[in-house]
Each structure stands twice: as structure tokens, then as C-alpha cells.
């Protein structure tokens, strides 16, 4: 009898989470969801118990960019399965480069999504969940630079002062991270002297999702 790995689920929607848990627990190869939470901050409280496979909502609206979440899970030894639109976009490829093992589009439907997760847990990702290789990023950013820059370019238009409050950092520290991140792009020949240009650079590198993806998903 095949022993399936422990699986955790991090998804904004309680409806989606409940439906997936029920679908995964059905059938001869039932997968038990050990932990199911609806925010990244809630999941961080489970760090010491992170499962071998973590199913992660691509559109968690918080202060940690998706590739950083995947990077953190990879460091913990977990395999990340991303649920969300845009498997052909740079953000998906960057997530793959950071360690994500699969990306499932929402158009797959509940039953197909649950079955794909089951096959991934068994070590056989369906072909339509595989992530294309990523090009090297134009700029190599530290975790903190990536976090600050990605938050700065969101549609909300966060100011350095507000980001300092969100991240518990001084405004001067936020400005320093912004300038160092921009300097890394300048060194690569990419101008990021305004918010729109910086966002285009982050989207191209896969560090941020295009705003239209959030809008199309009804989560601007």
C-alpha cells in the first residue's frame, strides 16, 4: 500500500479549502490534509510541522510575494503546489525556479484539481501542471529587497512610511531597500526610476504578478 505524504493547504477561500479536503479524502488513494489555513501568517505558526507537500494559493493577499513563500517552503524541505491563474507567466516560472513542483490552473475544476494534487503527492505530476524553466532574473535581490519592492509596486501604492509600519521597519530602512533594489536593476541596464517602471521589471523577472491577473480573478 502506497503511503502518501503529509499535505497542507493554504488557501484564501474556506469554500475551496473545504471542497478540496473532501475531494482528496475520497477514493481508494485518500489524501489526508493535515493543516488547512486561510492566510500565510496563520501557516507560519505551523513552521515546525510543515507537510511534505504544501498546496498554496497564488493569490494570497499579504506582505510576502509568492516566490518568497515558495523559497521559504523549499528551505523547509516541503514541495509546493501552486493553485492559481497564469501557469505560462514569469511569476509561475520564477516560482518553479524557487522550488515549486507544480502549478494548477483554476480552470481545471474541483475534481480535476484534487486528482492532480493526488498524483503530484504520489510523485507523478500531470503534464499540464508542470512549470516551464525560468530565465535568470535581471537583478538578484535579497529576500528583504524583494519583499519591499514587491509591496511598493502594488496597486495600493504603499508609501515607504506605510511599508515601515507593515514590516516593523524604519522608513529610512525601507527607502534604503528600495534604492538598493533599484540600483541592482540599474546595474543590469534596467531603468526603474518610477513605480510603473519598477513594477514592469519585477513582473518581467517573475517576482510579482501582473495586476490584470488579480483583476481577472476578482481580487484586485
Protein backbone atom coordinates (compact mmCIF):
# COMPACT_ATOMS: atom_id res chain seq x y z
CA UNK A 1 0.00 0.00 0.00
CA UNK A 2 1.41 3.41 -1.02
CA UNK A 3 1.86 5.84 1.86
CA UNK A 4 1.01 9.34 0.77
CA UNK A 5 2.98 12.26 2.21
CA UNK A 6 1.51 14.73 4.67
CA UNK A 7 -0.29 17.52 2.81
CA UNK A 8 -1.04 21.05 4.00
CA UNK A 9 -3.39 23.55 2.34
CA UNK A 10 -3.05 27.33 2.41
CA UNK A 11 -5.91 28.99 0.52
CA UNK A 12 -7.80 32.25 0.96
CA UNK A 13 -11.21 30.69 0.38
CA UNK A 14 -12.70 28.47 3.12
CA UNK A 15 -15.13 27.13 0.49
CA UNK A 16 -12.31 25.99 -1.81
CA UNK A 17 -10.34 24.56 1.12
CA UNK A 18 -13.29 22.54 2.42
CA UNK A 19 -14.19 21.25 -1.03
CA UNK A 20 -10.61 20.16 -1.73
CA UNK A 21 -10.29 18.41 1.63
CA UNK A 22 -13.44 16.42 0.96
CA UNK A 23 -12.43 15.55 -2.60
CA UNK A 24 -8.93 14.49 -1.55
CA UNK A 25 -10.24 12.26 1.25
CA UNK A 26 -12.46 10.29 -1.14
CA UNK A 27 -11.49 7.18 -3.12
CA UNK A 28 -9.01 4.35 -2.63
CA UNK A 29 -5.99 6.70 -2.55
CA UNK A 30 -7.29 9.15 0.01
CA UNK A 31 -5.03 12.08 0.86
CA UNK A 32 -5.36 13.50 4.36
CA UNK A 33 -5.00 17.27 4.64
CA UNK A 34 -3.21 17.74 7.97
CA UNK A 35 -3.34 21.53 8.13
CA UNK A 36 -5.75 23.88 6.37
CA UNK A 37 -5.43 27.64 6.94
CA UNK A 38 -6.51 30.75 5.06
CA UNK A 39 -3.51 33.06 5.39
CA UNK A 40 0.26 32.88 5.18
CA UNK A 41 0.66 34.35 8.66
CA UNK A 42 -1.50 31.55 10.08
CA UNK A 43 0.57 28.97 8.24
CA UNK A 44 3.83 30.42 9.60
CA UNK A 45 2.68 29.33 13.05
CA UNK A 46 2.91 25.76 11.73
CA UNK A 47 6.56 26.08 10.58
CA UNK A 48 7.78 23.22 12.76
CA UNK A 49 5.12 20.94 11.31
CA UNK A 50 5.05 21.89 7.61
CA UNK A 51 3.99 18.97 5.46
CA UNK A 52 5.99 17.29 2.74
CA UNK A 53 3.57 18.78 0.22
CA UNK A 54 2.04 22.26 0.63
CA UNK A 55 -0.77 23.40 -1.67
CA UNK A 56 -0.53 27.19 -1.89
CA UNK A 57 -2.95 29.79 -3.24
CA UNK A 58 -1.05 32.00 -5.71
CA UNK A 59 -3.24 34.99 -4.81
CA UNK A 60 -2.83 35.19 -1.06
CA UNK A 61 -3.10 38.93 -0.43
CA UNK A 62 -0.45 39.65 2.19
CA UNK A 63 3.01 41.12 2.68
CA UNK A 64 5.04 38.19 1.27
CA UNK A 65 5.45 37.76 -2.53
CA UNK A 66 4.64 34.31 -3.92
CA UNK A 67 8.23 33.36 -4.92
CA UNK A 68 9.40 34.18 -1.38
CA UNK A 69 6.74 31.88 0.06
CA UNK A 70 7.91 29.09 -2.27
CA UNK A 71 11.54 29.79 -1.37
CA UNK A 72 10.73 29.53 2.34
CA UNK A 73 8.86 26.25 1.89
CA UNK A 74 11.70 24.82 -0.19
CA UNK A 75 14.14 25.67 2.59
CA UNK A 76 11.88 23.77 4.99
CA UNK A 77 12.00 20.73 2.72
CA UNK A 78 8.39 21.00 1.52
CA UNK A 79 7.26 20.62 -2.08
CA UNK A 80 4.97 23.45 -3.15
CA UNK A 81 1.96 23.02 -5.44
CA UNK A 82 0.60 26.40 -6.52
CA UNK A 83 -3.09 26.92 -7.30
CA UNK A 84 -3.79 29.95 -9.46
CA UNK A 85 -4.03 31.51 -12.91
CA UNK A 86 -1.04 32.20 -15.13
CA UNK A 87 0.99 28.99 -15.41
CA UNK A 88 2.60 30.45 -18.54
CA UNK A 89 3.57 33.75 -16.86
CA UNK A 90 7.02 34.72 -15.50
CA UNK A 91 5.70 34.52 -11.91
CA UNK A 92 4.93 30.82 -12.36
CA UNK A 93 8.34 30.14 -13.88
CA UNK A 94 10.06 32.07 -11.07
CA UNK A 95 8.09 30.05 -8.51
CA UNK A 96 9.30 26.90 -10.27
CA UNK A 97 12.87 28.15 -10.09
CA UNK A 98 12.39 28.70 -6.34
CA UNK A 99 11.23 25.10 -5.89
CA UNK A 100 7.52 24.83 -6.77
CA UNK A 101 6.89 21.36 -8.23
CA UNK A 102 3.58 22.11 -9.99
CA UNK A 103 1.11 24.86 -10.90
CA UNK A 104 -2.60 24.08 -11.27
CA UNK A 105 -4.87 26.48 -13.15
CA UNK A 106 -8.31 27.21 -11.60
CA UNK A 107 -10.00 26.28 -14.88
CA UNK A 108 -9.23 22.63 -14.10
CA UNK A 109 -12.29 22.35 -11.85
CA UNK A 110 -12.54 20.84 -8.37
CA UNK A 111 -12.42 17.14 -9.23
CA UNK A 112 -9.55 17.55 -11.69
CA UNK A 113 -7.65 19.79 -9.25
CA UNK A 114 -7.99 17.25 -6.43
CA UNK A 115 -6.88 14.43 -8.72
CA UNK A 116 -3.88 16.45 -9.93
CA UNK A 117 -2.86 17.13 -6.31
CA UNK A 118 -3.20 13.42 -5.55
CA UNK A 119 -0.95 12.49 -8.49
CA UNK A 120 1.61 15.11 -7.50
CA UNK A 121 1.65 13.74 -3.95
CA UNK A 122 2.32 10.31 -5.47
CA UNK A 123 5.26 11.75 -7.40
CA UNK A 124 3.67 11.84 -10.86
CA UNK A 125 2.70 15.44 -11.72
CA UNK A 126 0.28 15.60 -14.69
CA UNK A 127 1.90 17.20 -17.75
CA UNK A 128 -0.45 20.19 -17.66
CA UNK A 129 0.80 21.14 -14.16
CA UNK A 130 4.48 21.25 -14.97
CA UNK A 131 6.24 24.60 -14.84
CA UNK A 132 8.45 25.83 -17.68
CA UNK A 133 12.07 26.73 -16.80
CA UNK A 134 12.73 30.34 -15.84
CA UNK A 135 15.32 32.65 -17.32
CA UNK A 136 17.82 34.06 -14.81
CA UNK A 137 16.43 37.23 -13.18
CA UNK A 138 17.74 40.54 -14.45
CA UNK A 139 18.51 41.55 -10.86
CA UNK A 140 19.37 39.31 -7.93
CA UNK A 141 17.53 40.72 -4.91
CA UNK A 142 17.80 39.81 -1.25
CA UNK A 143 14.67 38.45 0.43
CA UNK A 144 14.01 41.79 2.12
CA UNK A 145 14.63 43.85 -1.03
CA UNK A 146 12.25 41.62 -2.95
CA UNK A 147 9.60 41.94 -0.25
CA UNK A 148 9.86 45.73 -0.05
CA UNK A 149 9.94 46.29 -3.81
CA UNK A 150 7.05 43.93 -4.49
CA UNK A 151 4.87 45.62 -1.87
CA UNK A 152 5.85 49.08 -3.08
CA UNK A 153 4.60 48.43 -6.63
CA UNK A 154 1.17 47.01 -5.71
CA UNK A 155 -1.96 48.79 -6.90
CA UNK A 156 -2.44 50.17 -3.39
CA UNK A 157 0.53 52.47 -3.88
CA UNK A 158 2.07 51.94 -0.44
CA UNK A 159 4.31 54.74 0.79
CA UNK A 160 7.67 53.96 2.44
CA UNK A 161 6.21 55.18 5.74
CA UNK A 162 3.27 52.76 5.50
CA UNK A 163 5.54 49.88 4.47
CA UNK A 164 7.65 50.62 7.53
CA UNK A 165 4.59 50.18 9.72
CA UNK A 166 3.56 46.95 7.94
CA UNK A 167 7.03 45.40 8.17
CA UNK A 168 8.02 46.93 11.53
CA UNK A 169 10.95 48.76 9.95
CA UNK A 170 12.04 52.39 9.99
CA UNK A 171 11.00 54.49 6.98
CA UNK A 172 14.69 55.17 6.28
CA UNK A 173 15.33 51.42 6.17
CA UNK A 174 12.50 50.94 3.66
CA UNK A 175 13.94 53.72 1.48
CA UNK A 176 17.37 52.07 1.64
CA UNK A 177 15.94 48.72 0.48
CA UNK A 178 14.11 50.47 -2.36
CA UNK A 179 17.23 52.28 -3.50
CA UNK A 180 19.44 49.19 -3.30
CA UNK A 181 16.89 47.17 -5.27
CA UNK A 182 16.66 49.87 -7.93
CA UNK A 183 20.46 50.09 -8.03
CA UNK A 184 20.65 46.37 -8.79
CA UNK A 185 18.32 46.88 -11.75
CA UNK A 186 20.28 49.92 -12.93
CA UNK A 187 23.44 47.82 -12.85
CA UNK A 188 21.63 45.36 -15.13
CA UNK A 189 20.70 48.17 -17.55
CA UNK A 190 17.05 48.37 -16.46
CA UNK A 191 15.66 51.79 -15.56
CA UNK A 192 13.30 51.72 -12.56
CA UNK A 193 13.13 55.40 -11.69
CA UNK A 194 9.35 55.36 -11.13
CA UNK A 195 6.85 52.95 -9.65
CA UNK A 196 5.45 51.79 -13.00
CA UNK A 197 8.90 51.02 -14.42
CA UNK A 198 9.89 49.14 -11.26
CA UNK A 199 6.69 47.11 -11.44
CA UNK A 200 7.37 46.16 -15.07
CA UNK A 201 10.85 44.96 -14.09
CA UNK A 202 9.52 42.88 -11.18
CA UNK A 203 6.78 41.35 -13.36
CA UNK A 204 9.31 40.53 -16.09
CA UNK A 205 11.55 38.79 -13.56
CA UNK A 206 8.57 36.91 -12.11
CA UNK A 207 8.81 38.48 -8.66
CA UNK A 208 5.32 39.98 -9.00
CA UNK A 209 2.13 39.01 -10.81
CA UNK A 210 0.65 41.36 -13.37
CA UNK A 211 -2.14 43.43 -11.83
CA UNK A 212 -4.54 42.17 -14.50
CA UNK A 213 -4.22 38.66 -13.08
CA UNK A 214 -5.63 39.89 -9.75
CA UNK A 215 -8.38 41.86 -11.52
CA UNK A 216 -9.41 38.91 -13.71
CA UNK A 217 -9.60 36.73 -10.59
CA UNK A 218 -11.86 39.28 -8.90
CA UNK A 219 -9.21 40.08 -6.31
CA UNK A 220 -7.68 43.47 -7.28
